[in-house]
Amino acid sequence: MATHKQSNTQLSQPVTEHDHALGPVNADAMLLEYGDFECPYSKEGTLIARALYEEFKGRLRFVFRHFPLTKHPHAKQAAEAAEAAAAQGKFWEMAELLFVNQDKLTQRDLVRYADRLGLDTAKFKKDLSEHIYAEDVQANLLSGEQSGVTGTPTYFIGDQRYDGADDIDSLKTILQRAMCKVEAWDP
């Protein structure tokens, strides 16, 4: 996986209740990923992030934001599909299907995944055809650009961009350090 060397290192938009997050709001550390459902590196990065979330369950908050790359022709529509699934309470389940099936992201495929998840497919199709969630995806993309994101995955630990190696051991070490700082200040 590639490392990213951009000039801006601060997260431009703080995490809100509108973000897709796993873990407690008051977790000891937060790992935020900007990802693209059609990017093989994002797929690997999200697997790493989810493994870290499981390992540090209760102490880590994992947040996912969309950053569909223009070189991936189905990425934006896949992100909109994830948002349409989120509106029906199935963001994480849809995200997993999208990453597992990166080579099958046509509208027909997306509707099949919605059906597999038990979503209201008529509403899902309408949401996709009317691009109901395009602005939400665009807002994630813009927040990433303002934070210096140029590729996927790009991680933030808290509000600071992580520019180290994108492997589980490196990220685990940085997260453990962040958690130790919290413990050191905990009265």
Protein backbone atom coordinates (compact mmCIF):
# COMPACT_ATOMS: atom_id res chain seq x y z
CA MET A 1 0.00 0.00 0.00
CA ALA A 2 1.17 3.49 -0.75
CA THR A 3 2.05 6.19 1.71
CA HIS A 4 0.77 9.70 1.10
CA LYS A 5 2.81 12.86 1.31
CA GLN A 6 0.54 15.89 1.28
CA SER A 7 1.16 19.27 2.87
CA ASN A 8 -1.96 19.60 5.06
CA THR A 9 -1.98 17.20 8.01
CA GLN A 10 -5.05 18.34 10.01
CA LEU A 11 -8.50 16.84 9.63
CA SER A 12 -10.51 19.76 8.21
CA GLN A 13 -13.96 18.59 9.31
CA PRO A 14 -14.42 17.10 12.78
CA VAL A 15 -16.26 13.82 13.14
CA THR A 16 -20.00 14.28 13.73
CA GLU A 17 -23.03 12.06 14.24
CA HIS A 18 -23.43 12.04 10.44
CA ASP A 19 -20.20 10.08 9.96
CA HIS A 20 -20.19 6.29 9.75
CA ALA A 21 -18.51 5.19 12.97
CA LEU A 22 -17.99 2.07 15.02
CA GLY A 23 -17.06 2.29 18.68
CA PRO A 24 -17.78 4.70 21.48
CA VAL A 25 -17.76 8.45 20.98
CA ASN A 26 -15.46 8.78 24.01
CA ALA A 27 -12.99 6.09 22.86
CA ASP A 28 -9.33 6.47 23.83
CA ALA A 29 -8.36 6.86 20.16
CA MET A 30 -10.00 7.43 16.78
CA LEU A 31 -8.93 5.98 13.45
CA LEU A 32 -10.56 7.67 10.47
CA GLU A 33 -10.17 6.31 6.95
CA TYR A 34 -10.90 8.07 3.69
CA GLY A 35 -11.63 5.23 1.29
CA ASP A 36 -12.88 4.24 -2.15
CA PHE A 37 -14.96 1.08 -2.63
CA GLU A 38 -13.33 0.37 -6.00
CA CYS A 39 -9.75 0.77 -4.74
CA PRO A 40 -7.92 -2.46 -3.82
CA TYR A 41 -5.73 -0.53 -1.38
CA SER A 42 -8.84 0.81 0.38
CA LYS A 43 -10.20 -2.70 0.61
CA GLU A 44 -7.01 -3.84 2.32
CA GLY A 45 -6.90 -0.69 4.45
CA THR A 46 -10.45 -1.17 5.68
CA LEU A 47 -9.72 -4.80 6.57
CA ILE A 48 -6.78 -3.57 8.64
CA ALA A 49 -8.87 -0.84 10.28
CA ARG A 50 -11.65 -3.29 11.13
CA ALA A 51 -9.13 -5.76 12.60
CA LEU A 52 -7.70 -2.97 14.77
CA TYR A 53 -11.21 -1.94 15.80
CA GLU A 54 -11.89 -5.53 16.93
CA GLU A 55 -8.57 -5.76 18.76
CA PHE A 56 -9.10 -2.48 20.61
CA LYS A 57 -12.89 -2.85 20.95
CA GLY A 58 -14.28 -0.31 23.39
CA ARG A 59 -11.10 1.79 23.22
CA LEU A 60 -11.05 2.64 19.50
CA ARG A 61 -13.52 4.47 17.33
CA PHE A 62 -13.31 3.67 13.61
CA VAL A 63 -14.77 6.20 11.17
CA PHE A 64 -15.15 5.77 7.40
CA ARG A 65 -15.51 8.63 4.93
CA HIS A 66 -15.93 8.41 1.18
CA PHE A 67 -13.17 9.50 -1.15
CA PRO A 68 -14.16 8.12 -4.58
CA LEU A 69 -11.27 8.49 -6.98
CA THR A 70 -12.07 9.67 -10.51
CA LYS A 71 -9.95 6.88 -12.00
CA HIS A 72 -12.46 4.36 -10.62
CA PRO A 73 -15.60 4.60 -12.79
CA HIS A 74 -17.98 2.98 -10.27
CA ALA A 75 -16.59 4.43 -7.03
CA LYS A 76 -18.94 7.40 -6.73
CA GLN A 77 -22.05 5.32 -7.43
CA ALA A 78 -20.83 2.67 -4.96
CA ALA A 79 -20.42 5.39 -2.31
CA GLU A 80 -23.97 6.60 -3.03
CA ALA A 81 -25.18 2.99 -2.70
CA ALA A 82 -23.50 2.72 0.70
CA GLU A 83 -25.29 5.91 1.75
CA ALA A 84 -28.62 4.60 0.46
CA ALA A 85 -28.02 1.43 2.49
CA ALA A 86 -27.09 3.57 5.52
CA ALA A 87 -30.48 5.29 5.27
CA GLN A 88 -31.95 1.82 5.83
CA GLY A 89 -29.53 0.96 8.66
CA LYS A 90 -27.09 -1.19 6.67
CA PHE A 91 -24.03 0.95 5.88
CA TRP A 92 -21.39 -1.44 7.24
CA GLU A 93 -23.02 -4.50 5.68
CA MET A 94 -23.18 -2.78 2.28
CA ALA A 95 -19.62 -1.49 2.61
CA GLU A 96 -18.40 -5.04 3.18
CA LEU A 97 -20.27 -6.32 0.10
CA LEU A 98 -18.88 -3.47 -2.02
CA PHE A 99 -15.30 -4.17 -0.99
CA VAL A 100 -15.67 -7.94 -1.47
CA ASN A 101 -17.17 -7.40 -4.93
CA GLN A 102 -15.01 -4.53 -6.19
CA ASP A 103 -15.12 -5.83 -9.75
CA LYS A 104 -18.94 -5.95 -9.74
CA LEU A 105 -20.23 -2.45 -8.99
CA THR A 106 -22.75 -1.75 -11.76
CA GLN A 107 -26.18 -0.46 -10.79
CA ARG A 108 -27.60 -3.95 -11.35
CA ASP A 109 -24.99 -5.38 -8.95
CA LEU A 110 -25.72 -2.73 -6.34
CA VAL A 111 -29.44 -3.50 -6.42
CA ARG A 112 -28.63 -7.20 -6.04
CA TYR A 113 -26.58 -6.40 -2.91
CA ALA A 114 -29.44 -4.28 -1.54
CA ASP A 115 -31.81 -7.20 -2.07
CA ARG A 116 -29.35 -9.59 -0.40
CA LEU A 117 -29.28 -7.27 2.64
CA GLY A 118 -33.06 -7.17 2.81
CA LEU A 119 -33.32 -3.49 1.93
CA ASP A 120 -36.36 -1.89 0.37
CA THR A 121 -35.01 -2.23 -3.18
CA ALA A 122 -37.58 0.11 -4.73
CA LYS A 123 -36.47 2.91 -2.40
CA PHE A 124 -32.81 1.95 -2.92
CA LYS A 125 -33.16 2.10 -6.75
CA LYS A 126 -34.97 5.44 -6.51
CA ASP A 127 -32.27 6.85 -4.21
CA LEU A 128 -29.56 5.77 -6.66
CA SER A 129 -31.31 6.98 -9.81
CA GLU A 130 -32.09 10.36 -8.23
CA HIS A 131 -28.59 10.65 -6.69
CA ILE A 132 -30.18 11.45 -3.31
CA TYR A 133 -26.85 10.97 -1.50
CA ALA A 134 -24.50 12.56 -4.06
CA GLU A 135 -24.12 15.68 -1.89
CA ASP A 136 -23.16 13.59 1.15
CA VAL A 137 -20.50 11.76 -0.87
CA GLN A 138 -19.27 15.07 -2.31
CA ALA A 139 -19.08 16.59 1.19
CA ASN A 140 -16.84 13.69 2.31
CA LEU A 141 -14.67 14.13 -0.79
CA LEU A 142 -14.30 17.88 -0.20
CA SER A 143 -13.46 17.39 3.48
CA GLY A 144 -10.78 14.92 2.39
CA GLU A 145 -9.35 17.35 -0.16
CA GLN A 146 -9.31 20.12 2.48
CA SER A 147 -7.44 17.72 4.78
CA GLY A 148 -4.78 17.02 2.14
CA VAL A 149 -6.08 13.61 1.02
CA THR A 150 -5.05 12.68 -2.51
CA GLY A 151 -5.25 8.88 -2.47
CA THR A 152 -6.86 5.99 -0.68
CA PRO A 153 -6.71 4.82 1.93
CA THR A 154 -5.67 7.86 3.90
CA TYR A 155 -5.86 7.57 7.68
CA PHE A 156 -6.18 10.09 10.46
CA ILE A 157 -5.39 9.25 14.07
CA GLY A 158 -7.55 11.71 15.97
CA ASP A 159 -7.35 14.85 13.87
CA GLN A 160 -3.81 14.25 12.56
CA ARG A 161 -3.08 12.59 9.23
CA TYR A 162 -1.04 9.41 9.53
CA ASP A 163 1.73 9.28 6.92
CA GLY A 164 3.47 6.08 8.03
CA ALA A 165 3.31 2.60 6.55
CA ASP A 166 -0.22 1.33 5.92
CA ASP A 167 0.31 -2.01 7.62
CA ILE A 168 -1.42 -3.34 10.72
CA ASP A 169 1.67 -3.38 12.96
CA SER A 170 2.60 0.25 12.22
CA LEU A 171 -0.95 1.49 12.75
CA LYS A 172 -1.30 -0.61 15.91
CA THR A 173 1.85 0.95 17.37
CA ILE A 174 0.63 4.50 16.69
CA LEU A 175 -2.82 3.74 18.12
CA GLN A 176 -1.28 2.21 21.26
CA ARG A 177 0.80 5.37 21.72
CA ALA A 178 -2.32 7.52 21.34
CA MET A 179 -4.13 5.39 23.90
CA CYS A 180 -1.19 5.57 26.34
CA LYS A 181 -1.26 9.38 26.16
CA VAL A 182 -4.92 9.28 27.16
CA GLU A 183 -4.16 6.90 30.03
CA ALA A 184 -1.29 9.12 31.21
CA TRP A 185 -3.65 12.09 31.55
CA ASP A 186 -6.56 10.16 33.03
CA PRO A 187 -6.87 11.25 36.70
